[in-house]
Amino acid sequence: MTNYSVSGFEIYLNQLEACCNNKLSLPSLFMALPLPDIGGSIEFSGNHEKIYVSWAKKYCGFEKSYARALYLLRCDLVHSLGGAPNAAPRDRFIFTFPELPGKIRVHSITLQSGNEKAVALDSILLSEHILEATKKWYSDAASDVAKQFKIQRMLRIFPNGISPFIIGQPVIGFGHQG
């Protein structure tokens, strides 16, 4: 049951946490990878890559090169499921499936075979790490009026709908309430 007293962003974080808890690898990854974009757009200025990398370094503790690789991974996954035919060569990513019992969990390790390299990640561990960093950032942002103003403009709950479209029942959306 949805708690209508929390923000839409908190619902997003709660649903990401539920995906992680239920070992839903791809939904977790798709929900977690944009979070540095979201926090970064509130925290920093600049182009998308710059704000993503800056936020991921500051709040997740990632090295710049790793944060940049995750940004490119986010771009590739979200926009083309990693299959953009015209994309420049990128790092190769391999994800292990944590829901398989008795299997090895490999996370944040560079593998090499001859000249071929790949970064092996556990999508749940990565998603949980980004989620925890986002929760800390969100908690810290609660006392910052400028950040709160921006956060309140994001996805949120409208307990009585958004007039003139849906009236009298809760919806999640963004935009002004008429």
Protein backbone atom coordinates (compact mmCIF):
# COMPACT_ATOMS: atom_id res chain seq x y z
CA MET A 1 0.00 0.00 0.00
CA THR A 2 1.35 3.40 -0.95
CA ASN A 3 2.08 5.84 1.85
CA TYR A 4 0.73 9.17 0.59
CA SER A 5 2.56 11.16 3.25
CA VAL A 6 5.98 10.60 1.62
CA SER A 7 7.36 12.28 -1.47
CA GLY A 8 7.40 10.72 -4.91
CA PHE A 9 11.18 10.57 -4.64
CA GLU A 10 10.90 8.56 -1.41
CA ILE A 11 8.49 6.18 -3.14
CA TYR A 12 11.06 5.79 -5.93
CA LEU A 13 13.77 4.96 -3.37
CA ASN A 14 11.44 2.55 -1.53
CA GLN A 15 10.60 0.75 -4.76
CA LEU A 16 14.27 0.51 -5.68
CA GLU A 17 14.95 -0.98 -2.26
CA ALA A 18 12.14 -3.50 -2.82
CA CYS A 19 13.70 -4.46 -6.17
CA CYS A 20 17.08 -4.99 -4.49
CA ASN A 21 15.53 -7.00 -1.65
CA ASN A 22 13.76 -9.22 -4.18
CA LYS A 23 16.94 -9.63 -6.27
CA LEU A 24 15.37 -8.04 -9.34
CA SER A 25 18.65 -7.35 -11.13
CA LEU A 26 17.56 -5.34 -14.16
CA PRO A 27 14.87 -3.17 -12.51
CA SER A 28 17.33 -2.40 -9.70
CA LEU A 29 19.99 -1.38 -12.17
CA PHE A 30 17.61 0.72 -14.28
CA MET A 31 16.35 2.52 -11.17
CA ALA A 32 19.75 3.00 -9.49
CA LEU A 33 21.90 4.20 -12.39
CA PRO A 34 19.93 7.45 -12.95
CA LEU A 35 20.14 8.49 -9.26
CA PRO A 36 23.51 10.27 -9.62
CA ASP A 37 21.88 12.26 -12.47
CA ILE A 38 18.97 13.21 -10.24
CA GLY A 39 21.07 14.17 -7.23
CA GLY A 40 23.72 15.73 -9.43
CA SER A 41 21.22 17.99 -11.19
CA ILE A 42 20.23 19.38 -7.79
CA GLU A 43 23.74 19.50 -6.33
CA PHE A 44 25.91 20.66 -9.24
CA SER A 45 25.80 22.56 -12.53
CA GLY A 46 27.24 21.56 -15.89
CA ASN A 47 26.57 18.95 -18.52
CA HIS A 48 24.99 15.59 -17.62
CA GLU A 49 28.25 13.69 -17.57
CA LYS A 50 29.95 16.26 -15.34
CA ILE A 51 27.15 16.36 -12.78
CA TYR A 52 26.81 12.56 -12.77
CA VAL A 53 30.52 12.01 -12.21
CA SER A 54 30.76 14.77 -9.58
CA TRP A 55 27.83 13.39 -7.58
CA ALA A 56 29.00 9.75 -7.87
CA LYS A 57 32.49 10.75 -6.67
CA LYS A 58 31.21 12.83 -3.77
CA TYR A 59 28.38 10.62 -2.48
CA CYS A 60 29.22 7.09 -3.68
CA GLY A 61 32.97 7.45 -3.24
CA PHE A 62 33.66 6.26 -6.78
CA GLU A 63 36.86 7.12 -8.61
CA LYS A 64 36.35 9.54 -11.50
CA SER A 65 37.06 6.90 -14.17
CA TYR A 66 34.64 4.44 -12.56
CA ALA A 67 31.94 7.12 -12.17
CA ARG A 68 32.39 8.07 -15.84
CA ALA A 69 32.13 4.41 -16.90
CA LEU A 70 28.88 4.11 -14.92
CA TYR A 71 27.57 7.27 -16.58
CA LEU A 72 28.26 5.77 -20.00
CA LEU A 73 26.72 2.48 -18.87
CA ARG A 74 23.61 4.40 -17.75
CA CYS A 75 23.42 6.12 -21.12
CA ASP A 76 23.82 2.87 -23.04
CA LEU A 77 21.36 0.88 -20.93
CA VAL A 78 18.65 3.49 -20.60
CA HIS A 79 18.72 4.65 -24.21
CA SER A 80 19.47 1.44 -26.11
CA LEU A 81 19.81 -1.53 -23.71
CA GLY A 82 23.53 -1.41 -24.42
CA GLY A 83 23.08 -1.97 -28.13
CA ALA A 84 23.56 1.47 -29.64
CA PRO A 85 24.93 0.65 -33.11
CA ASN A 86 26.65 4.01 -33.55
CA ALA A 87 28.07 4.35 -30.05
CA ALA A 88 31.79 4.82 -29.57
CA PRO A 89 33.61 1.80 -28.11
CA ARG A 90 32.98 1.58 -24.39
CA ASP A 91 34.02 -0.55 -21.49
CA ARG A 92 32.50 -4.00 -21.56
CA PHE A 93 30.30 -4.79 -18.58
CA ILE A 94 29.37 -8.21 -17.29
CA PHE A 95 26.68 -8.60 -14.64
CA THR A 96 26.39 -11.61 -12.39
CA PHE A 97 22.97 -12.85 -11.32
CA PRO A 98 22.71 -12.76 -7.52
CA GLU A 99 19.45 -14.71 -7.50
CA LEU A 100 21.22 -17.92 -8.53
CA PRO A 101 21.94 -19.91 -5.35
CA GLY A 102 25.49 -21.07 -4.75
CA LYS A 103 26.96 -18.93 -7.53
CA ILE A 104 29.92 -16.61 -7.18
CA ARG A 105 29.10 -12.95 -6.65
CA VAL A 106 31.61 -10.83 -8.50
CA HIS A 107 31.53 -7.08 -8.05
CA SER A 108 33.66 -4.26 -9.36
CA ILE A 109 36.47 -6.37 -10.72
CA THR A 110 38.27 -5.81 -14.02
CA LEU A 111 38.71 -9.03 -15.94
CA GLN A 112 41.25 -9.42 -18.72
CA SER A 113 41.82 -12.10 -21.32
CA GLY A 114 44.57 -11.17 -23.75
CA ASN A 115 43.73 -7.68 -25.01
CA GLU A 116 40.07 -8.00 -24.02
CA LYS A 117 38.88 -6.33 -20.81
CA ALA A 118 35.57 -6.27 -18.99
CA VAL A 119 34.25 -4.88 -15.72
CA ALA A 120 32.31 -7.48 -13.75
CA LEU A 121 29.56 -6.11 -11.52
CA ASP A 122 26.87 -7.47 -9.27
CA SER A 123 23.88 -5.33 -10.22
CA ILE A 124 22.25 -5.69 -6.80
CA LEU A 125 25.39 -4.70 -4.87
CA LEU A 126 25.93 -1.72 -7.19
CA SER A 127 22.27 -0.69 -6.89
CA GLU A 128 22.34 -1.01 -3.09
CA HIS A 129 25.50 1.11 -2.91
CA ILE A 130 23.99 3.88 -5.04
CA LEU A 131 20.70 3.63 -3.08
CA GLU A 132 22.45 4.04 0.30
CA ALA A 133 24.46 7.01 -1.01
CA THR A 134 21.24 8.59 -2.31
CA LYS A 135 19.44 8.10 1.00
CA LYS A 136 22.30 9.84 2.81
CA TRP A 137 22.30 12.66 0.26
CA TYR A 138 18.51 13.00 0.52
CA SER A 139 18.68 13.14 4.31
CA ASP A 140 21.43 15.77 4.20
CA ALA A 141 19.45 17.79 1.62
CA ALA A 142 16.49 18.02 4.02
CA SER A 143 18.10 21.00 5.76
CA ASP A 144 18.99 22.86 2.56
CA VAL A 145 16.16 25.15 1.42
CA ALA A 146 17.47 25.52 -2.16
CA LYS A 147 17.81 21.75 -2.61
CA GLN A 148 14.40 21.13 -1.05
CA PHE A 149 12.82 23.56 -3.50
CA LYS A 150 14.28 21.58 -6.41
CA ILE A 151 13.36 18.23 -4.83
CA GLN A 152 9.75 19.35 -4.36
CA ARG A 153 9.50 19.99 -8.11
CA MET A 154 10.42 16.37 -8.92
CA LEU A 155 8.11 13.40 -9.10
CA ARG A 156 5.66 13.72 -6.22
CA ILE A 157 2.30 12.63 -4.87
CA PHE A 158 -0.82 14.67 -5.46
CA PRO A 159 -3.26 13.32 -2.84
CA ASN A 160 -6.30 14.76 -4.67
CA GLY A 161 -5.16 14.19 -8.24
CA ILE A 162 -4.04 16.69 -10.84
CA SER A 163 -6.87 18.89 -12.08
CA PRO A 164 -8.41 18.85 -14.64
CA PHE A 165 -7.22 15.33 -15.51
CA ILE A 166 -7.74 13.11 -12.48
CA ILE A 167 -9.54 14.58 -9.50
CA GLY A 168 -10.30 13.06 -6.11
CA GLN A 169 -7.78 10.25 -6.01
CA PRO A 170 -4.03 10.16 -5.37
CA VAL A 171 -1.67 10.15 -8.33
CA ILE A 172 2.09 10.36 -8.75
CA GLY A 173 3.26 12.94 -11.24
CA PHE A 174 5.05 16.19 -11.78
CA GLY A 175 3.98 19.60 -12.90
CA HIS A 176 1.76 22.14 -11.19
CA GLN A 177 -1.50 21.24 -9.53
CA GLY A 178 -4.33 23.24 -11.11
